[in-house]
Amino acid sequence: MFAVLLISGTARVDEQGRTLYAGNLRVQTRRTFDNITALLVAEDATWKGIVRTTCYLRGLERDYTFNEERMAFYKEQGLNPVPASTGIQAILCCPDLLIEIEAIAMFRRETPEE
């Protein structure tokens, strides 16, 4: 059976919901990817199931360097091709947030035989 996982509004917060890494786009991006990874693992999925991401950036021109971190992360995950992605400039919910990422994963889920 195929499953679809919609991951919305993921950012660089810790396990208690505290904000981390104010002003550091690269570290915020990596922590956001780590948080998405944890959500995938909780559903027995991996980044190989991600088919699309939407990346919301506080300043698109200023912060588009996030793409370097994104592509390095995708390479570490062995993704080829990489997921479809859109970058959007947005006013984010917290003033120290520089990036927020949504993701869509599609993956096969094993079902117990009846």
PDB file of N, CA and C in Angstrom:
ATOM      1  N   MET A   1       0.841  -1.163   0.000  1.00  0.00           N
ATOM      2  CA  MET A   1       0.000   0.000   0.000  1.00  0.00           C
ATOM      3  C   MET A   1       0.894   1.236   0.000  1.00  0.00           C
ATOM      4  N   PHE A   2       0.491   2.240  -0.757  1.00  0.00           N
ATOM      5  CA  PHE A   2       1.246   3.494  -0.787  1.00  0.00           C
ATOM      6  C   PHE A   2       0.664   4.458   0.236  1.00  0.00           C
ATOM      7  N   ALA A   3       1.551   5.231   0.842  1.00  0.00           N
ATOM      8  CA  ALA A   3       1.141   6.238   1.810  1.00  0.00           C
ATOM      9  C   ALA A   3       1.668   7.594   1.357  1.00  0.00           C
ATOM     10  N   VAL A   4       0.954   8.628   1.718  1.00  0.00           N
ATOM     11  CA  VAL A   4       1.375  10.000   1.469  1.00  0.00           C
ATOM     12  C   VAL A   4       1.524  10.672   2.815  1.00  0.00           C
ATOM     13  N   LEU A   5       2.659  11.307   3.032  1.00  0.00           N
ATOM     14  CA  LEU A   5       2.925  12.024   4.278  1.00  0.00           C
ATOM     15  C   LEU A   5       3.115  13.497   3.945  1.00  0.00           C
ATOM     16  N   LEU A   6       2.293  14.354   4.524  1.00  0.00           N
ATOM     17  CA  LEU A   6       2.391  15.802   4.326  1.00  0.00           C
ATOM     18  C   LEU A   6       3.029  16.404   5.577  1.00  0.00           C
ATOM     19  N   ILE A   7       4.180  17.016   5.404  1.00  0.00           N
ATOM     20  CA  ILE A   7       4.916  17.620   6.518  1.00  0.00           C
ATOM     21  C   ILE A   7       4.871  19.127   6.318  1.00  0.00           C
ATOM     22  N   SER A   8       4.298  19.828   7.267  1.00  0.00           N
ATOM     23  CA  SER A   8       4.147  21.272   7.088  1.00  0.00           C
ATOM     24  C   SER A   8       4.893  22.057   8.151  1.00  0.00           C
ATOM     25  N   GLY A   9       5.263  23.249   7.787  1.00  0.00           N
ATOM     26  CA  GLY A   9       5.793  24.230   8.725  1.00  0.00           C
ATOM     27  C   GLY A   9       6.913  23.759   9.616  1.00  0.00           C
ATOM     28  N   THR A  10       7.867  23.013   9.096  1.00  0.00           N
ATOM     29  CA  THR A  10       8.962  22.502   9.916  1.00  0.00           C
ATOM     30  C   THR A  10      10.087  23.527   9.950  1.00  0.00           C
ATOM     31  N   ALA A  11      10.600  23.753  11.147  1.00  0.00           N
ATOM     32  CA  ALA A  11      11.655  24.754  11.313  1.00  0.00           C
ATOM     33  C   ALA A  11      12.718  24.214  12.262  1.00  0.00           C
ATOM     34  N   ARG A  12      13.611  25.067  12.671  1.00  0.00           N
ATOM     35  CA  ARG A  12      14.745  24.689  13.503  1.00  0.00           C
ATOM     36  C   ARG A  12      14.440  24.871  14.988  1.00  0.00           C
ATOM     37  N   VAL A  13      13.606  24.011  15.489  1.00  0.00           N
ATOM     38  CA  VAL A  13      13.286  24.019  16.910  1.00  0.00           C
ATOM     39  C   VAL A  13      13.795  22.731  17.531  1.00  0.00           C
ATOM     40  N   ASP A  14      13.996  22.765  18.861  1.00  0.00           N
ATOM     41  CA  ASP A  14      14.448  21.554  19.525  1.00  0.00           C
ATOM     42  C   ASP A  14      13.248  20.712  19.963  1.00  0.00           C
ATOM     43  N   GLU A  15      13.520  19.631  20.658  1.00  0.00           N
ATOM     44  CA  GLU A  15      12.477  18.693  21.058  1.00  0.00           C
ATOM     45  C   GLU A  15      11.433  19.318  21.992  1.00  0.00           C
ATOM     46  N   GLN A  16      11.777  20.403  22.664  1.00  0.00           N
ATOM     47  CA  GLN A  16      10.839  21.106  23.543  1.00  0.00           C
ATOM     48  C   GLN A  16      10.161  22.284  22.848  1.00  0.00           C
ATOM     49  N   GLY A  17      10.400  22.453  21.550  1.00  0.00           N
ATOM     50  CA  GLY A  17       9.767  23.536  20.807  1.00  0.00           C
ATOM     51  C   GLY A  17      10.472  24.875  20.933  1.00  0.00           C
ATOM     52  N   ARG A  18      11.663  24.886  21.524  1.00  0.00           N
ATOM     53  CA  ARG A  18      12.416  26.142  21.660  1.00  0.00           C
ATOM     54  C   ARG A  18      13.116  26.474  20.355  1.00  0.00           C
ATOM     55  N   THR A  19      13.150  27.764  20.026  1.00  0.00           N
ATOM     56  CA  THR A  19      13.810  28.185  18.797  1.00  0.00           C
ATOM     57  C   THR A  19      15.328  28.140  18.969  1.00  0.00           C
ATOM     58  N   LEU A  20      16.013  27.803  17.886  1.00  0.00           N
ATOM     59  CA  LEU A  20      17.461  27.633  17.907  1.00  0.00           C
ATOM     60  C   LEU A  20      18.123  28.406  16.779  1.00  0.00           C
ATOM     61  N   TYR A  21      19.363  28.806  16.965  1.00  0.00           N
ATOM     62  CA  TYR A  21      20.256  29.308  15.921  1.00  0.00           C
ATOM     63  C   TYR A  21      19.800  30.601  15.251  1.00  0.00           C
ATOM     64  N   ALA A  22      19.381  31.559  16.026  1.00  0.00           N
ATOM     65  CA  ALA A  22      18.953  32.841  15.465  1.00  0.00           C
ATOM     66  C   ALA A  22      20.076  33.431  14.625  1.00  0.00           C
ATOM     67  N   GLY A  23      19.727  33.858  13.401  1.00  0.00           N
ATOM     68  CA  GLY A  23      20.667  34.544  12.527  1.00  0.00           C
ATOM     69  C   GLY A  23      21.585  33.644  11.721  1.00  0.00           C
ATOM     70  N   ASN A  24      21.551  32.329  11.919  1.00  0.00           N
ATOM     71  CA  ASN A  24      22.453  31.435  11.202  1.00  0.00           C
ATOM     72  C   ASN A  24      21.645  30.562  10.238  1.00  0.00           C
ATOM     73  N   LEU A  25      21.561  30.989   8.991  1.00  0.00           N
ATOM     74  CA  LEU A  25      20.737  30.301   8.003  1.00  0.00           C
ATOM     75  C   LEU A  25      21.200  28.870   7.761  1.00  0.00           C
ATOM     76  N   ARG A  26      22.502  28.656   7.628  1.00  0.00           N
ATOM     77  CA  ARG A  26      22.995  27.305   7.342  1.00  0.00           C
ATOM     78  C   ARG A  26      22.628  26.322   8.451  1.00  0.00           C
ATOM     79  N   VAL A  27      22.816  26.709   9.684  1.00  0.00           N
ATOM     80  CA  VAL A  27      22.510  25.806  10.796  1.00  0.00           C
ATOM     81  C   VAL A  27      20.997  25.642  10.948  1.00  0.00           C
ATOM     82  N   GLN A  28      20.237  26.708  10.726  1.00  0.00           N
ATOM     83  CA  GLN A  28      18.782  26.585  10.762  1.00  0.00           C
ATOM     84  C   GLN A  28      18.304  25.608   9.690  1.00  0.00           C
ATOM     85  N   THR A  29      18.890  25.688   8.499  1.00  0.00           N
ATOM     86  CA  THR A  29      18.500  24.795   7.407  1.00  0.00           C
ATOM     87  C   THR A  29      18.800  23.348   7.777  1.00  0.00           C
ATOM     88  N   ARG A  30      19.997  23.094   8.283  1.00  0.00           N
ATOM     89  CA  ARG A  30      20.382  21.718   8.640  1.00  0.00           C
ATOM     90  C   ARG A  30      19.481  21.180   9.757  1.00  0.00           C
ATOM     91  N   ARG A  31      19.202  22.005  10.773  1.00  0.00           N
ATOM     92  CA  ARG A  31      18.331  21.538  11.860  1.00  0.00           C
ATOM     93  C   ARG A  31      16.922  21.258  11.339  1.00  0.00           C
ATOM     94  N   THR A  32      16.449  22.065  10.407  1.00  0.00           N
ATOM     95  CA  THR A  32      15.130  21.832   9.816  1.00  0.00           C
ATOM     96  C   THR A  32      15.113  20.500   9.078  1.00  0.00           C
ATOM     97  N   PHE A  33      16.160  20.206   8.312  1.00  0.00           N
ATOM     98  CA  PHE A  33      16.244  18.914   7.634  1.00  0.00           C
ATOM     99  C   PHE A  33      16.309  17.765   8.646  1.00  0.00           C
ATOM    100  N   ASP A  34      17.037  17.961   9.728  1.00  0.00           N
ATOM    101  CA  ASP A  34      17.097  16.931  10.779  1.00  0.00           C
ATOM    102  C   ASP A  34      15.716  16.691  11.388  1.00  0.00           C
ATOM    103  N   ASN A  35      14.949  17.757  11.600  1.00  0.00           N
ATOM    104  CA  ASN A  35      13.603  17.612  12.153  1.00  0.00           C
ATOM    105  C   ASN A  35      12.686  16.874  11.178  1.00  0.00           C
ATOM    106  N   ILE A  36      12.810  17.183   9.891  1.00  0.00           N
ATOM    107  CA  ILE A  36      12.021  16.460   8.888  1.00  0.00           C
ATOM    108  C   ILE A  36      12.429  14.989   8.868  1.00  0.00           C
ATOM    109  N   THR A  37      13.724  14.722   8.971  1.00  0.00           N
ATOM    110  CA  THR A  37      14.200  13.341   9.011  1.00  0.00           C
ATOM    111  C   THR A  37      13.560  12.582  10.166  1.00  0.00           C
ATOM    112  N   ALA A  38      13.481  13.202  11.334  1.00  0.00           N
ATOM    113  CA  ALA A  38      12.863  12.547  12.495  1.00  0.00           C
ATOM    114  C   ALA A  38      11.389  12.235  12.239  1.00  0.00           C
ATOM    115  N   LEU A  39      10.686  13.140  11.568  1.00  0.00           N
ATOM    116  CA  LEU A  39       9.288  12.891  11.231  1.00  0.00           C
ATOM    117  C   LEU A  39       9.159  11.730  10.245  1.00  0.00           C
ATOM    118  N   LEU A  40      10.057  11.672   9.279  1.00  0.00           N
ATOM    119  CA  LEU A  40      10.053  10.564   8.323  1.00  0.00           C
ATOM    120  C   LEU A  40      10.313   9.230   9.032  1.00  0.00           C
ATOM    121  N   VAL A  41      11.314   9.202   9.885  1.00  0.00           N
ATOM    122  CA  VAL A  41      11.658   7.971  10.612  1.00  0.00           C
ATOM    123  C   VAL A  41      10.470   7.487  11.442  1.00  0.00           C
ATOM    124  N   ALA A  42       9.743   8.421  12.045  1.00  0.00           N
ATOM    125  CA  ALA A  42       8.577   8.057  12.857  1.00  0.00           C
ATOM    126  C   ALA A  42       7.509   7.347  12.029  1.00  0.00           C
ATOM    127  N   GLU A  43       7.525   7.544  10.720  1.00  0.00           N
ATOM    128  CA  GLU A  43       6.547   6.908   9.821  1.00  0.00           C
ATOM    129  C   GLU A  43       7.191   5.802   8.980  1.00  0.00           C
ATOM    130  N   ASP A  44       8.393   5.356   9.382  1.00  0.00           N
ATOM    131  CA  ASP A  44       9.136   4.335   8.625  1.00  0.00           C
ATOM    132  C   ASP A  44       9.371   4.763   7.186  1.00  0.00           C
ATOM    133  N   ALA A  45       9.685   6.015   6.986  1.00  0.00           N
ATOM    134  CA  ALA A  45       9.968   6.569   5.663  1.00  0.00           C
ATOM    135  C   ALA A  45      11.375   7.166   5.671  1.00  0.00           C
ATOM    136  N   THR A  46      11.873   7.500   4.474  1.00  0.00           N
ATOM    137  CA  THR A  46      13.188   8.132   4.346  1.00  0.00           C
ATOM    138  C   THR A  46      13.086   9.293   3.367  1.00  0.00           C
ATOM    139  N   TRP A  47      14.183   9.995   3.215  1.00  0.00           N
ATOM    140  CA  TRP A  47      14.228  11.105   2.254  1.00  0.00           C
ATOM    141  C   TRP A  47      14.055  10.624   0.825  1.00  0.00           C
ATOM    142  N   LYS A  48      14.309   9.358   0.569  1.00  0.00           N
ATOM    143  CA  LYS A  48      14.109   8.832  -0.790  1.00  0.00           C
ATOM    144  C   LYS A  48      12.634   8.870  -1.183  1.00  0.00           C
ATOM    145  N   GLY A  49      11.731   8.995  -0.211  1.00  0.00           N
ATOM    146  CA  GLY A  49      10.306   9.111  -0.491  1.00  0.00           C
ATOM    147  C   GLY A  49       9.824  10.536  -0.692  1.00  0.00           C
ATOM    148  N   ILE A  50      10.677  11.524  -0.404  1.00  0.00           N
ATOM    149  CA  ILE A  50      10.275  12.922  -0.563  1.00  0.00           C
ATOM    150  C   ILE A  50      10.175  13.236  -2.056  1.00  0.00           C
ATOM    151  N   VAL A  51       9.015  13.717  -2.474  1.00  0.00           N
ATOM    152  CA  VAL A  51       8.812  14.056  -3.885  1.00  0.00           C
ATOM    153  C   VAL A  51       8.771  15.568  -4.112  1.00  0.00           C
ATOM    154  N   ARG A  52       8.539  16.341  -3.041  1.00  0.00           N
ATOM    155  CA  ARG A  52       8.443  17.793  -3.210  1.00  0.00           C
ATOM    156  C   ARG A  52       8.710  18.490  -1.883  1.00  0.00           C
ATOM    157  N   THR A  53       9.416  19.618  -1.966  1.00  0.00           N
ATOM    158  CA  THR A  53       9.567  20.502  -0.811  1.00  0.00           C
ATOM    159  C   THR A  53       9.187  21.926  -1.212  1.00  0.00           C
ATOM    160  N   THR A  54       8.708  22.661  -0.255  1.00  0.00           N
ATOM    161  CA  THR A  54       8.487  24.095  -0.415  1.00  0.00           C
ATOM    162  C   THR A  54       9.281  24.763   0.696  1.00  0.00           C
ATOM    163  N   CYS A  55      10.192  25.634   0.318  1.00  0.00           N
ATOM    164  CA  CYS A  55      11.089  26.290   1.265  1.00  0.00           C
ATOM    165  C   CYS A  55      10.712  27.763   1.374  1.00  0.00           C
ATOM    166  N   TYR A  56      10.282  28.163   2.553  1.00  0.00           N
ATOM    167  CA  TYR A  56       9.895  29.549   2.807  1.00  0.00           C
ATOM    168  C   TYR A  56      11.095  30.251   3.438  1.00  0.00           C
ATOM    169  N   LEU A  57      11.545  31.312   2.788  1.00  0.00           N
ATOM    170  CA  LEU A  57      12.715  32.065   3.246  1.00  0.00           C
ATOM    171  C   LEU A  57      12.310  33.482   3.601  1.00  0.00           C
ATOM    172  N   ARG A  58      12.872  33.992   4.690  1.00  0.00           N
ATOM    173  CA  ARG A  58      12.574  35.362   5.108  1.00  0.00           C
ATOM    174  C   ARG A  58      13.020  36.349   4.034  1.00  0.00           C
ATOM    175  N   GLY A  59      14.189  36.138   3.466  1.00  0.00           N
ATOM    176  CA  GLY A  59      14.685  37.010   2.397  1.00  0.00           C
ATOM    177  C   GLY A  59      15.195  36.153   1.256  1.00  0.00           C
ATOM    178  N   LEU A  60      14.433  36.024   0.205  1.00  0.00           N
ATOM    179  CA  LEU A  60      14.768  35.097  -0.876  1.00  0.00           C
ATOM    180  C   LEU A  60      16.131  35.400  -1.494  1.00  0.00           C
ATOM    181  N   GLU A  61      16.385  36.643  -1.878  1.00  0.00           N
ATOM    182  CA  GLU A  61      17.673  36.974  -2.488  1.00  0.00           C
ATOM    183  C   GLU A  61      18.807  36.848  -1.481  1.00  0.00           C
ATOM    184  N   ARG A  62      18.604  37.334  -0.270  1.00  0.00           N
ATOM    185  CA  ARG A  62      19.648  37.301   0.751  1.00  0.00           C
ATOM    186  C   ARG A  62      19.921  35.875   1.215  1.00  0.00           C
ATOM    187  N   ASP A  63      18.874  35.063   1.364  1.00  0.00           N
ATOM    188  CA  ASP A  63      19.005  33.753   2.004  1.00  0.00           C
ATOM    189  C   ASP A  63      19.033  32.577   1.036  1.00  0.00           C
ATOM    190  N   TYR A  64      19.099  32.835  -0.267  1.00  0.00           N
ATOM    191  CA  TYR A  64      19.059  31.712  -1.188  1.00  0.00           C
ATOM    192  C   TYR A  64      20.315  30.850  -1.108  1.00  0.00           C
ATOM    193  N   THR A  65      21.299  31.270  -0.334  1.00  0.00           N
ATOM    194  CA  THR A  65      22.468  30.421  -0.102  1.00  0.00           C
ATOM    195  C   THR A  65      22.057  29.121   0.592  1.00  0.00           C
ATOM    196  N   PHE A  66      20.823  29.069   1.122  1.00  0.00           N
ATOM    197  CA  PHE A  66      20.343  27.825   1.721  1.00  0.00           C
ATOM    198  C   PHE A  66      20.429  26.686   0.707  1.00  0.00           C
ATOM    199  N   ASN A  67      20.385  27.012  -0.592  1.00  0.00           N
ATOM    200  CA  ASN A  67      20.426  25.990  -1.629  1.00  0.00           C
ATOM    201  C   ASN A  67      21.706  25.161  -1.552  1.00  0.00           C
ATOM    202  N   GLU A  68      22.828  25.787  -1.178  1.00  0.00           N
ATOM    203  CA  GLU A  68      24.079  25.046  -1.028  1.00  0.00           C
ATOM    204  C   GLU A  68      23.943  23.996   0.067  1.00  0.00           C
ATOM    205  N   GLU A  69      23.355  24.380   1.193  1.00  0.00           N
ATOM    206  CA  GLU A  69      23.156  23.442   2.304  1.00  0.00           C
ATOM    207  C   GLU A  69      22.157  22.356   1.909  1.00  0.00           C
ATOM    208  N   ARG A  70      21.123  22.749   1.207  1.00  0.00           N
ATOM    209  CA  ARG A  70      20.097  21.796   0.768  1.00  0.00           C
ATOM    210  C   ARG A  70      20.705  20.746  -0.154  1.00  0.00           C
ATOM    211  N   MET A  71      21.473  21.186  -1.146  1.00  0.00           N
ATOM    212  CA  MET A  71      22.057  20.238  -2.092  1.00  0.00           C
ATOM    213  C   MET A  71      23.095  19.335  -1.417  1.00  0.00           C
ATOM    214  N   ALA A  72      23.848  19.861  -0.463  1.00  0.00           N
ATOM    215  CA  ALA A  72      24.801  19.030   0.287  1.00  0.00           C
ATOM    216  C   ALA A  72      24.046  17.958   1.088  1.00  0.00           C
ATOM    217  N   PHE A  73      22.941  18.343   1.705  1.00  0.00           N
ATOM    218  CA  PHE A  73      22.135  17.389   2.469  1.00  0.00           C
ATOM    219  C   PHE A  73      21.566  16.315   1.546  1.00  0.00           C
ATOM    220  N   TYR A  74      21.026  16.727   0.408  1.00  0.00           N
ATOM    221  CA  TYR A  74      20.464  15.765  -0.541  1.00  0.00           C
ATOM    222  C   TYR A  74      21.542  14.780  -1.012  1.00  0.00           C
ATOM    223  N   LYS A  75      22.752  15.274  -1.239  1.00  0.00           N
ATOM    224  CA  LYS A  75      23.848  14.402  -1.662  1.00  0.00           C
ATOM    225  C   LYS A  75      24.155  13.388  -0.565  1.00  0.00           C
ATOM    226  N   GLU A  76      24.188  13.836   0.698  1.00  0.00           N
ATOM    227  CA  GLU A  76      24.414  12.926   1.821  1.00  0.00           C
ATOM    228  C   GLU A  76      23.338  11.844   1.892  1.00  0.00           C
ATOM    229  N   GLN A  77      22.121  12.182   1.504  1.00  0.00           N
ATOM    230  CA  GLN A  77      21.009  11.232   1.538  1.00  0.00           C
ATOM    231  C   GLN A  77      20.997  10.314   0.320  1.00  0.00           C
ATOM    232  N   GLY A  78      21.871  10.577  -0.649  1.00  0.00           N
ATOM    233  CA  GLY A  78      21.939   9.767  -1.858  1.00  0.00           C
ATOM    234  C   GLY A  78      20.781  10.010  -2.810  1.00  0.00           C
ATOM    235  N   LEU A  79      20.232  11.223  -2.810  1.00  0.00           N
ATOM    236  CA  LEU A  79      19.084  11.538  -3.654  1.00  0.00           C
ATOM    237  C   LEU A  79      19.529  11.946  -5.053  1.00  0.00           C
ATOM    238  N   ASN A  80      19.080  11.188  -6.034  1.00  0.00           N
ATOM    239  CA  ASN A  80      19.352  11.506  -7.423  1.00  0.00           C
ATOM    240  C   ASN A  80      18.284  10.811  -8.258  1.00  0.00           C
ATOM    241  N   PRO A  81      17.312  11.517  -8.742  1.00  0.00           N
ATOM    242  CA  PRO A  81      17.198  12.974  -8.755  1.00  0.00           C
ATOM    243  C   PRO A  81      16.752  13.514  -7.391  1.00  0.00           C
ATOM    244  N   VAL A  82      16.907  14.815  -7.233  1.00  0.00           N
ATOM    245  CA  VAL A  82      16.471  15.471  -6.006  1.00  0.00           C
ATOM    246  C   VAL A  82      14.971  15.773  -6.110  1.00  0.00           C
ATOM    247  N   PRO A  83      14.317  15.966  -4.966  1.00  0.00           N
ATOM    248  CA  PRO A  83      12.885  16.288  -5.002  1.00  0.00           C
ATOM    249  C   PRO A  83      12.624  17.619  -5.712  1.00  0.00           C
ATOM    250  N   ALA A  84      11.449  17.743  -6.291  1.00  0.00           N
ATOM    251  CA  ALA A  84      11.019  19.041  -6.816  1.00  0.00           C
ATOM    252  C   ALA A  84      10.996  20.020  -5.646  1.00  0.00           C
ATOM    253  N   SER A  85      11.308  21.273  -5.912  1.00  0.00           N
ATOM    254  CA  SER A  85      11.378  22.240  -4.823  1.00  0.00           C
ATOM    255  C   SER A  85      11.030  23.636  -5.325  1.00  0.00           C
ATOM    256  N   THR A  86      10.367  24.379  -4.454  1.00  0.00           N
ATOM    257  CA  THR A  86      10.047  25.772  -4.725  1.00  0.00           C
ATOM    258  C   THR A  86      10.539  26.609  -3.551  1.00  0.00           C
ATOM    259  N   GLY A  87      11.185  27.733  -3.842  1.00  0.00           N
ATOM    260  CA  GLY A  87      11.600  28.683  -2.819  1.00  0.00           C
ATOM    261  C   GLY A  87      10.695  29.907  -2.877  1.00  0.00           C
ATOM    262  N   ILE A  88      10.180  30.299  -1.712  1.00  0.00           N
ATOM    263  CA  ILE A  88       9.237  31.410  -1.634  1.00  0.00           C
ATOM    264  C   ILE A  88       9.681  32.364  -0.537  1.00  0.00           C
ATOM    265  N   GLN A  89       9.670  33.662  -0.826  1.00  0.00           N
ATOM    266  CA  GLN A  89       9.932  34.652   0.217  1.00  0.00           C
ATOM    267  C   GLN A  89       8.663  34.835   1.027  1.00  0.00           C
ATOM    268  N   ALA A  90       8.799  34.809   2.358  1.00  0.00           N
ATOM    269  CA  ALA A  90       7.612  34.875   3.210  1.00  0.00           C
ATOM    270  C   ALA A  90       7.929  35.542   4.540  1.00  0.00           C
ATOM    271  N   ILE A  91       6.900  36.087   5.149  1.00  0.00           N
ATOM    272  CA  ILE A  91       6.996  36.550   6.530  1.00  0.00           C
ATOM    273  C   ILE A  91       6.706  35.333   7.395  1.00  0.00           C
ATOM    274  N   LEU A  92       7.692  34.901   8.155  1.00  0.00           N
ATOM    275  CA  LEU A  92       7.544  33.695   8.954  1.00  0.00           C
ATOM    276  C   LEU A  92       7.017  34.030  10.342  1.00  0.00           C
ATOM    277  N   CYS A  93       6.505  33.029  11.033  1.00  0.00           N
ATOM    278  CA  CYS A  93       5.767  33.264  12.282  1.00  0.00           C
ATOM    279  C   CYS A  93       6.624  33.799  13.428  1.00  0.00           C
ATOM    280  N   CYS A  94       7.919  33.516  13.454  1.00  0.00           N
ATOM    281  CA  CYS A  94       8.816  34.017  14.498  1.00  0.00           C
ATOM    282  C   CYS A  94       9.843  34.948  13.860  1.00  0.00           C
ATOM    283  N   PRO A  95      10.163  36.057  14.507  1.00  0.00           N
ATOM    284  CA  PRO A  95      11.081  37.015  13.893  1.00  0.00           C
ATOM    285  C   PRO A  95      12.494  36.474  13.676  1.00  0.00           C
ATOM    286  N   ASP A  96      12.925  35.455  14.452  1.00  0.00           N
ATOM    287  CA  ASP A  96      14.279  34.938  14.269  1.00  0.00           C
ATOM    288  C   ASP A  96      14.330  33.724  13.342  1.00  0.00           C
ATOM    289  N   LEU A  97      13.187  33.305  12.813  1.00  0.00           N
ATOM    290  CA  LEU A  97      13.163  32.224  11.826  1.00  0.00           C
ATOM    291  C   LEU A  97      13.626  32.761  10.477  1.00  0.00           C
ATOM    292  N   LEU A  98      14.565  32.073   9.846  1.00  0.00           N
ATOM    293  CA  LEU A  98      15.019  32.456   8.515  1.00  0.00           C
ATOM    294  C   LEU A  98      14.502  31.508   7.444  1.00  0.00           C
ATOM    295  N   ILE A  99      14.098  30.289   7.857  1.00  0.00           N
ATOM    296  CA  ILE A  99      13.637  29.290   6.901  1.00  0.00           C
ATOM    297  C   ILE A  99      12.607  28.371   7.553  1.00  0.00           C
ATOM    298  N   GLU A 100      11.666  27.956   6.748  1.00  0.00           N
ATOM    299  CA  GLU A 100      10.663  26.966   7.148  1.00  0.00           C
ATOM    300  C   GLU A 100      10.427  26.083   5.923  1.00  0.00           C
ATOM    301  N   ILE A 101      10.299  24.781   6.142  1.00  0.00           N
ATOM    302  CA  ILE A 101      10.187  23.861   5.011  1.00  0.00           C
ATOM    303  C   ILE A 101       8.982  22.943   5.166  1.00  0.00           C
ATOM    304  N   GLU A 102       8.237  22.799   4.073  1.00  0.00           N
ATOM    305  CA  GLU A 102       7.174  21.800   3.961  1.00  0.00           C
ATOM    306  C   GLU A 102       7.687  20.698   3.054  1.00  0.00           C
ATOM    307  N   ALA A 103       7.206  19.478   3.261  1.00  0.00           N
ATOM    308  CA  ALA A 103       7.630  18.367   2.414  1.00  0.00           C
ATOM    309  C   ALA A 103       6.467  17.410   2.174  1.00  0.00           C
ATOM    310  N   ILE A 104       6.510  16.767   1.027  1.00  0.00           N
ATOM    311  CA  ILE A 104       5.544  15.725   0.683  1.00  0.00           C
ATOM    312  C   ILE A 104       6.334  14.459   0.396  1.00  0.00           C
ATOM    313  N   ALA A 105       5.974  13.386   1.097  1.00  0.00           N
ATOM    314  CA  ALA A 105       6.616  12.094   0.876  1.00  0.00           C
ATOM    315  C   ALA A 105       5.577  11.084   0.395  1.00  0.00           C
ATOM    316  N   MET A 106       6.000  10.232  -0.512  1.00  0.00           N
ATOM    317  CA  MET A 106       5.186   9.100  -0.962  1.00  0.00           C
ATOM    318  C   MET A 106       6.046   7.863  -0.797  1.00  0.00           C
ATOM    319  N   PHE A 107       5.503   6.863  -0.128  1.00  0.00           N
ATOM    320  CA  PHE A 107       6.295   5.667   0.133  1.00  0.00           C
ATOM    321  C   PHE A 107       5.401   4.451   0.287  1.00  0.00           C
ATOM    322  N   ARG A 108       6.020   3.298   0.126  1.00  0.00           N
ATOM    323  CA  ARG A 108       5.291   2.056   0.283  1.00  0.00           C
ATOM    324  C   ARG A 108       5.259   1.715   1.773  1.00  0.00           C
ATOM    325  N   ARG A 109       4.089   1.399   2.253  1.00  0.00           N
ATOM    326  CA  ARG A 109       3.929   0.987   3.642  1.00  0.00           C
ATOM    327  C   ARG A 109       3.504  -0.472   3.634  1.00  0.00           C
ATOM    328  N   GLU A 110       4.248  -1.266   4.384  1.00  0.00           N
ATOM    329  CA  GLU A 110       3.908  -2.677   4.496  1.00  0.00           C
ATOM    330  C   GLU A 110       2.637  -2.830   5.314  1.00  0.00           C
ATOM    331  N   THR A 111       1.751  -3.688   4.857  1.00  0.00           N
ATOM    332  CA  THR A 111       0.514  -3.949   5.603  1.00  0.00           C
ATOM    333  C   THR A 111       0.549  -5.408   6.068  1.00  0.00           C
ATOM    334  N   PRO A 112       0.141  -5.647   7.287  1.00  0.00           N
ATOM    335  CA  PRO A 112       0.153  -7.031   7.782  1.00  0.00           C
ATOM    336  C   PRO A 112      -0.839  -7.889   6.994  1.00  0.00           C
ATOM    337  N   GLU A 113      -0.413  -9.087   6.712  1.00  0.00           N
ATOM    338  CA  GLU A 113      -1.317  -9.995   6.011  1.00  0.00           C
ATOM    339  C   GLU A 113      -2.425 -10.435   6.939  1.00  0.00           C
ATOM    340  N   GLU A 114      -3.600 -10.523   6.397  1.00  0.00           N
ATOM    341  CA  GLU A 114      -4.735 -10.879   7.230  1.00  0.00           C
ATOM    342  C   GLU A 114      -5.081 -12.338   7.110  1.00  0.00           C
TER     343      GLU A 114
END
